[in-house]
Structure formats: C-alpha cells, structure tokens
Amino acid sequence: MSKMESLLAKFAEIADSPKKQLDRFVSEGRKAIGCYPYYVPEELVYATGMVPMGLWGKPGSPSKAKEYFAAFYCSLVQMNMEMALSGDLDKLSGVIHTTLCDTLRPASQNFRVGIKNIPMIFMALAPLLGAAVNALVDVPLGAGVSIGGHPWAVFGGMLAAGLVVLWLSFRAIRQALADAARRPTA
C-alpha cells in the first residue's frame, strides 16, 4: 500500500467514525471543540490549546434528529444532530455554529434546545461578509452611476462597523472558549 493509499484509508476510517477520533483526542488528554461547516476560525480554538474537530456528519440515516428538522434539511446537519443526540459528541468541550447558510442558522437554535450537555457558541460572521458583498455591489456601474453612494465610503463604514462587532464578538468568544477549557473532560 502506497503512502497516499495509507493516508486515504486512515481518512476514510476517521470519516466513517468521528466518535473514535473524538475518543482518541480525549484519551490523549486533549479537549476538542466541534466546528460546524463552514469557515469556523479554527485559529481561535487552537489558541485556547484545544483541537478544532470538523463536524461533517457520519454515514447513515437520521432517526432522532428528524424531530428537529424538516425533511429537506441537508444530511450533514441532520447527521451532526443525530450524533449529538446519540451521545457520540458528549466528550466535546463545546460546539461552534456559523451562520453561512439557510440551514445552519436555525440548526444552531435546534442544537441549543435539543443538546443541553454541550455548550454551543453561535458565531455570526455576517458583518465582514456584508462589507465584502457591499463592496461588490457598490461598484460604479458606468456613466457616473453607482449604487449606494461612494463605494469606498460605504465600504469603509461597513468595514469599521464589522471590525467593532468582530472585536466585541472575539472578546465574547474568547471568554466562552476559556470557560470551555476549564470544563472537566468526560
């Protein structure tokens, strides 16, 4: 077996059983934070000395999670909830949810209601994303016409507002992660 095949086999084993990977982290004395897709700033988790563990579901069909989601919700979110409801994620020190799709926003609230033993951090990345989108929309269209005023003034204001919100959020997130780091491992 080549090195590449060996690495792919190891990856397949981890992907098929996230609980084994979590158990391995805990047996090594490490704490793990579950990171819902997409774009969780894993550097914040690393900065606390914990391991960011991507939550990408697992093979199978949801049964318990069906109580929390409509049938059209993506399997990734449903199977993450299924793992949490089944106790597969109990050894996590916390979970970070983002807001980057129409499924993740309500899923975070379902997680908060359904899973009482795993702290959940809701991370809204919208201010900076809003500034980026605004910069794209607010480009002069030609013939001296632009949407929303001078592009750099609007972008600068959005960026400043986004940085203030991000700074305040970072303080809250840092405190929440520090609290999770003090939680005893299971």
C-alpha atoms as a PDB file:
ATOM      1  CA  MET A   1       0.000   0.000   0.000  1.00  0.00           C
ATOM      2  CA  SER A   2       1.412   3.364  -1.001  1.00  0.00           C
ATOM      3  CA  LYS A   3       1.702   6.247   1.446  1.00  0.00           C
ATOM      4  CA  MET A   4      -1.177   8.008  -0.348  1.00  0.00           C
ATOM      5  CA  GLU A   5      -3.404   4.925  -0.105  1.00  0.00           C
ATOM      6  CA  SER A   6      -2.495   4.570   3.569  1.00  0.00           C
ATOM      7  CA  LEU A   7      -3.427   8.195   4.277  1.00  0.00           C
ATOM      8  CA  LEU A   8      -6.704   7.889   2.361  1.00  0.00           C
ATOM      9  CA  ALA A   9      -7.583   4.712   4.266  1.00  0.00           C
ATOM     10  CA  LYS A  10      -6.912   6.483   7.576  1.00  0.00           C
ATOM     11  CA  PHE A  11      -9.039   9.434   6.462  1.00  0.00           C
ATOM     12  CA  ALA A  12     -11.885   7.083   5.447  1.00  0.00           C
ATOM     13  CA  GLU A  13     -11.746   5.391   8.861  1.00  0.00           C
ATOM     14  CA  ILE A  14     -11.959   8.752  10.671  1.00  0.00           C
ATOM     15  CA  ALA A  15     -14.766   9.984   8.395  1.00  0.00           C
ATOM     16  CA  ASP A  16     -16.772   6.805   8.987  1.00  0.00           C
ATOM     17  CA  SER A  17     -16.455   7.046  12.783  1.00  0.00           C
ATOM     18  CA  PRO A  18     -15.997  10.580  14.135  1.00  0.00           C
ATOM     19  CA  LYS A  19     -16.642   9.256  17.658  1.00  0.00           C
ATOM     20  CA  LYS A  20     -13.430   7.181  17.506  1.00  0.00           C
ATOM     21  CA  GLN A  21     -11.463  10.294  16.581  1.00  0.00           C
ATOM     22  CA  LEU A  22     -13.029  12.249  19.453  1.00  0.00           C
ATOM     23  CA  ASP A  23     -12.298   9.392  21.857  1.00  0.00           C
ATOM     24  CA  ARG A  24      -8.669   9.426  20.678  1.00  0.00           C
ATOM     25  CA  PHE A  25      -8.341  13.167  21.351  1.00  0.00           C
ATOM     26  CA  VAL A  26      -9.812  12.778  24.845  1.00  0.00           C
ATOM     27  CA  SER A  27      -7.652   9.722  25.647  1.00  0.00           C
ATOM     28  CA  GLU A  28      -4.610  11.881  24.794  1.00  0.00           C
ATOM     29  CA  GLY A  29      -5.804  14.442  27.350  1.00  0.00           C
ATOM     30  CA  ARG A  30      -6.848  16.958  24.711  1.00  0.00           C
ATOM     31  CA  LYS A  31     -10.099  18.901  24.638  1.00  0.00           C
ATOM     32  CA  ALA A  32     -11.981  19.259  21.368  1.00  0.00           C
ATOM     33  CA  ILE A  33     -14.398  21.868  20.049  1.00  0.00           C
ATOM     34  CA  GLY A  34     -16.824  20.692  17.360  1.00  0.00           C
ATOM     35  CA  CYS A  35     -16.743  23.015  14.338  1.00  0.00           C
ATOM     36  CA  TYR A  36     -19.802  23.055  12.109  1.00  0.00           C
ATOM     37  CA  PRO A  37     -19.135  23.813   8.472  1.00  0.00           C
ATOM     38  CA  TYR A  38     -18.220  26.294   7.096  1.00  0.00           C
ATOM     39  CA  TYR A  39     -15.466  28.761   7.887  1.00  0.00           C
ATOM     40  CA  VAL A  40     -15.168  28.469  11.649  1.00  0.00           C
ATOM     41  CA  PRO A  41     -11.989  30.380  12.538  1.00  0.00           C
ATOM     42  CA  GLU A  42     -10.175  27.336  13.871  1.00  0.00           C
ATOM     43  CA  GLU A  43      -7.250  29.518  14.934  1.00  0.00           C
ATOM     44  CA  LEU A  44      -9.371  30.695  17.874  1.00  0.00           C
ATOM     45  CA  VAL A  45      -9.796  27.100  19.003  1.00  0.00           C
ATOM     46  CA  TYR A  46      -6.094  26.342  18.561  1.00  0.00           C
ATOM     47  CA  ALA A  47      -5.267  29.495  20.542  1.00  0.00           C
ATOM     48  CA  THR A  48      -7.044  28.038  23.576  1.00  0.00           C
ATOM     49  CA  GLY A  49      -4.994  24.845  23.361  1.00  0.00           C
ATOM     50  CA  MET A  50      -7.967  22.792  22.180  1.00  0.00           C
ATOM     51  CA  VAL A  51      -8.463  20.803  18.992  1.00  0.00           C
ATOM     52  CA  PRO A  52     -10.955  22.008  16.363  1.00  0.00           C
ATOM     53  CA  MET A  53     -12.871  18.925  15.227  1.00  0.00           C
ATOM     54  CA  GLY A  54     -14.783  19.294  11.985  1.00  0.00           C
ATOM     55  CA  LEU A  55     -18.356  18.037  12.229  1.00  0.00           C
ATOM     56  CA  TRP A  56     -19.283  16.614   8.849  1.00  0.00           C
ATOM     57  CA  GLY A  57     -21.886  14.042   9.854  1.00  0.00           C
ATOM     58  CA  LYS A  58     -21.429  10.305   9.515  1.00  0.00           C
ATOM     59  CA  PRO A  59     -22.803   7.565   7.295  1.00  0.00           C
ATOM     60  CA  GLY A  60     -26.390   6.514   7.957  1.00  0.00           C
ATOM     61  CA  SER A  61     -29.859   7.971   8.205  1.00  0.00           C
ATOM     62  CA  PRO A  62     -31.154  10.222  10.967  1.00  0.00           C
ATOM     63  CA  SER A  63     -33.835   8.970  13.338  1.00  0.00           C
ATOM     64  CA  LYS A  64     -33.751  11.160  16.474  1.00  0.00           C
ATOM     65  CA  ALA A  65     -32.739  14.282  14.525  1.00  0.00           C
ATOM     66  CA  LYS A  66     -35.917  14.089  12.409  1.00  0.00           C
ATOM     67  CA  GLU A  67     -37.768  15.578  15.379  1.00  0.00           C
ATOM     68  CA  TYR A  68     -35.768  18.808  14.960  1.00  0.00           C
ATOM     69  CA  PHE A  69     -35.626  19.344  11.197  1.00  0.00           C
ATOM     70  CA  ALA A  70     -37.826  19.372   8.138  1.00  0.00           C
ATOM     71  CA  ALA A  71     -37.158  16.539   5.704  1.00  0.00           C
ATOM     72  CA  PHE A  72     -35.387  18.811   3.209  1.00  0.00           C
ATOM     73  CA  TYR A  73     -32.582  19.827   5.603  1.00  0.00           C
ATOM     74  CA  CYS A  74     -29.198  18.651   4.413  1.00  0.00           C
ATOM     75  CA  SER A  75     -27.925  15.302   5.659  1.00  0.00           C
ATOM     76  CA  LEU A  76     -24.761  16.890   7.071  1.00  0.00           C
ATOM     77  CA  VAL A  77     -26.708  18.990   9.595  1.00  0.00           C
ATOM     78  CA  GLN A  78     -29.164  16.201  10.376  1.00  0.00           C
ATOM     79  CA  MET A  79     -26.402  13.658  10.988  1.00  0.00           C
ATOM     80  CA  ASN A  80     -24.425  16.069  13.189  1.00  0.00           C
ATOM     81  CA  MET A  81     -27.556  16.487  15.315  1.00  0.00           C
ATOM     82  CA  GLU A  82     -28.072  12.715  15.266  1.00  0.00           C
ATOM     83  CA  MET A  83     -24.532  12.197  16.583  1.00  0.00           C
ATOM     84  CA  ALA A  84     -25.129  14.751  19.354  1.00  0.00           C
ATOM     85  CA  LEU A  85     -28.493  13.244  20.327  1.00  0.00           C
ATOM     86  CA  SER A  86     -26.984   9.737  20.331  1.00  0.00           C
ATOM     87  CA  GLY A  87     -24.164  10.754  22.675  1.00  0.00           C
ATOM     88  CA  ASP A  88     -21.397  10.431  20.063  1.00  0.00           C
ATOM     89  CA  LEU A  89     -20.324  14.034  20.716  1.00  0.00           C
ATOM     90  CA  ASP A  90     -20.684  14.088  24.512  1.00  0.00           C
ATOM     91  CA  LYS A  91     -16.932  14.389  25.028  1.00  0.00           C
ATOM     92  CA  LEU A  92     -16.744  17.677  23.122  1.00  0.00           C
ATOM     93  CA  SER A  93     -15.977  20.714  25.272  1.00  0.00           C
ATOM     94  CA  GLY A  94     -18.220  22.803  23.027  1.00  0.00           C
ATOM     95  CA  VAL A  95     -19.558  23.325  19.514  1.00  0.00           C
ATOM     96  CA  ILE A  96     -19.244  26.358  17.243  1.00  0.00           C
ATOM     97  CA  HIS A  97     -22.068  27.053  14.785  1.00  0.00           C
ATOM     98  CA  THR A  98     -21.792  29.555  11.953  1.00  0.00           C
ATOM     99  CA  THR A  99     -24.499  31.369  10.014  1.00  0.00           C
ATOM    100  CA  LEU A 100     -23.402  30.886   6.457  1.00  0.00           C
ATOM    101  CA  CYS A 101     -26.393  29.014   5.041  1.00  0.00           C
ATOM    102  CA  ASP A 102     -30.140  28.879   5.498  1.00  0.00           C
ATOM    103  CA  THR A 103     -29.879  25.506   7.241  1.00  0.00           C
ATOM    104  CA  LEU A 104     -27.141  26.377   9.748  1.00  0.00           C
ATOM    105  CA  ARG A 105     -28.926  29.411  11.215  1.00  0.00           C
ATOM    106  CA  PRO A 106     -31.987  27.523  12.539  1.00  0.00           C
ATOM    107  CA  ALA A 107     -29.932  24.368  13.165  1.00  0.00           C
ATOM    108  CA  SER A 108     -27.951  26.247  15.798  1.00  0.00           C
ATOM    109  CA  GLN A 109     -31.128  27.002  17.714  1.00  0.00           C
ATOM    110  CA  ASN A 110     -32.302  23.397  17.413  1.00  0.00           C
ATOM    111  CA  PHE A 111     -28.923  22.306  18.789  1.00  0.00           C
ATOM    112  CA  ARG A 112     -29.265  24.728  21.695  1.00  0.00           C
ATOM    113  CA  VAL A 113     -32.724  23.363  22.538  1.00  0.00           C
ATOM    114  CA  GLY A 114     -32.018  19.667  21.968  1.00  0.00           C
ATOM    115  CA  ILE A 115     -28.482  19.296  23.324  1.00  0.00           C
ATOM    116  CA  LYS A 116     -28.144  20.571  26.878  1.00  0.00           C
ATOM    117  CA  ASN A 117     -24.814  18.972  27.824  1.00  0.00           C
ATOM    118  CA  ILE A 118     -22.594  20.506  25.111  1.00  0.00           C
ATOM    119  CA  PRO A 119     -22.052  24.289  25.225  1.00  0.00           C
ATOM    120  CA  MET A 120     -22.782  25.946  21.887  1.00  0.00           C
ATOM    121  CA  ILE A 121     -21.162  29.124  20.543  1.00  0.00           C
ATOM    122  CA  PHE A 122     -23.081  30.873  17.776  1.00  0.00           C
ATOM    123  CA  MET A 123     -20.656  32.739  15.531  1.00  0.00           C
ATOM    124  CA  ALA A 124     -22.198  35.314  13.218  1.00  0.00           C
ATOM    125  CA  LEU A 125     -19.704  36.189  10.517  1.00  0.00           C
ATOM    126  CA  ALA A 126     -22.180  38.469   8.723  1.00  0.00           C
ATOM    127  CA  PRO A 127     -20.660  41.928   9.421  1.00  0.00           C
ATOM    128  CA  LEU A 128     -17.481  41.301   7.472  1.00  0.00           C
ATOM    129  CA  LEU A 129     -19.264  39.280   4.826  1.00  0.00           C
ATOM    130  CA  GLY A 130     -21.754  42.139   4.479  1.00  0.00           C
ATOM    131  CA  ALA A 131     -18.896  44.556   3.912  1.00  0.00           C
ATOM    132  CA  ALA A 132     -17.426  42.306   1.243  1.00  0.00           C
ATOM    133  CA  VAL A 133     -20.771  41.919  -0.524  1.00  0.00           C
ATOM    134  CA  ASN A 134     -21.394  45.651  -0.271  1.00  0.00           C
ATOM    135  CA  ALA A 135     -18.034  46.343  -1.877  1.00  0.00           C
ATOM    136  CA  LEU A 136     -19.000  44.122  -4.784  1.00  0.00           C
ATOM    137  CA  VAL A 137     -22.482  45.652  -5.206  1.00  0.00           C
ATOM    138  CA  ASP A 138     -21.344  49.220  -4.700  1.00  0.00           C
ATOM    139  CA  VAL A 139     -19.035  49.368  -7.698  1.00  0.00           C
ATOM    140  CA  PRO A 140     -19.723  52.201 -10.159  1.00  0.00           C
ATOM    141  CA  LEU A 141     -21.886  50.892 -12.979  1.00  0.00           C
ATOM    142  CA  GLY A 142     -20.577  53.291 -15.586  1.00  0.00           C
ATOM    143  CA  ALA A 143     -21.823  56.632 -16.889  1.00  0.00           C
ATOM    144  CA  GLY A 144     -21.192  58.124 -13.421  1.00  0.00           C
ATOM    145  CA  VAL A 145     -23.873  55.975 -11.779  1.00  0.00           C
ATOM    146  CA  SER A 146     -23.198  53.869  -8.696  1.00  0.00           C
ATOM    147  CA  ILE A 147     -25.393  52.035  -6.235  1.00  0.00           C
ATOM    148  CA  GLY A 148     -25.420  53.205  -2.618  1.00  0.00           C
ATOM    149  CA  GLY A 149     -23.092  56.202  -2.641  1.00  0.00           C
ATOM    150  CA  HIS A 150     -19.336  56.381  -2.962  1.00  0.00           C
ATOM    151  CA  PRO A 151     -18.002  52.817  -2.886  1.00  0.00           C
ATOM    152  CA  TRP A 152     -15.025  53.494  -0.621  1.00  0.00           C
ATOM    153  CA  ALA A 153     -17.075  55.498   1.895  1.00  0.00           C
ATOM    154  CA  VAL A 154     -19.687  52.761   2.152  1.00  0.00           C
ATOM    155  CA  PHE A 155     -17.062  50.024   2.273  1.00  0.00           C
ATOM    156  CA  GLY A 156     -15.056  51.899   4.913  1.00  0.00           C
ATOM    157  CA  GLY A 157     -18.126  52.387   7.102  1.00  0.00           C
ATOM    158  CA  MET A 158     -19.144  48.757   6.776  1.00  0.00           C
ATOM    159  CA  LEU A 159     -15.613  47.592   7.473  1.00  0.00           C
ATOM    160  CA  ALA A 160     -15.344  49.802  10.580  1.00  0.00           C
ATOM    161  CA  ALA A 161     -18.701  48.561  11.873  1.00  0.00           C
ATOM    162  CA  GLY A 162     -17.726  44.979  11.071  1.00  0.00           C
ATOM    163  CA  LEU A 163     -14.414  45.292  12.912  1.00  0.00           C
ATOM    164  CA  VAL A 164     -16.126  46.691  16.016  1.00  0.00           C
ATOM    165  CA  VAL A 165     -18.645  43.833  16.008  1.00  0.00           C
ATOM    166  CA  LEU A 166     -15.875  41.333  15.362  1.00  0.00           C
ATOM    167  CA  TRP A 167     -13.806  42.748  18.237  1.00  0.00           C
ATOM    168  CA  LEU A 168     -16.770  42.522  20.613  1.00  0.00           C
ATOM    169  CA  SER A 169     -17.600  39.032  19.345  1.00  0.00           C
ATOM    170  CA  PHE A 170     -13.957  37.960  19.697  1.00  0.00           C
ATOM    171  CA  ARG A 171     -13.966  39.004  23.363  1.00  0.00           C
ATOM    172  CA  ALA A 172     -17.159  37.005  23.970  1.00  0.00           C
ATOM    173  CA  ILE A 173     -15.860  34.022  22.011  1.00  0.00           C
ATOM    174  CA  ARG A 174     -12.506  34.090  23.821  1.00  0.00           C
ATOM    175  CA  GLN A 175     -14.343  34.064  27.166  1.00  0.00           C
ATOM    176  CA  ALA A 176     -16.632  31.232  26.062  1.00  0.00           C
ATOM    177  CA  LEU A 177     -13.680  29.162  24.859  1.00  0.00           C
ATOM    178  CA  ALA A 178     -11.784  29.848  28.089  1.00  0.00           C
ATOM    179  CA  ASP A 179     -14.841  28.651  30.036  1.00  0.00           C
ATOM    180  CA  ALA A 180     -14.962  25.517  27.875  1.00  0.00           C
ATOM    181  CA  ALA A 181     -11.242  24.900  28.504  1.00  0.00           C
ATOM    182  CA  ARG A 182     -11.915  24.855  32.250  1.00  0.00           C
ATOM    183  CA  ARG A 183     -14.676  22.269  31.827  1.00  0.00           C
ATOM    184  CA  PRO A 184     -13.525  18.842  33.014  1.00  0.00           C
ATOM    185  CA  THR A 185     -13.102  16.222  30.321  1.00  0.00           C
ATOM    186  CA  ALA A 186     -15.616  13.382  30.350  1.00  0.00           C
END
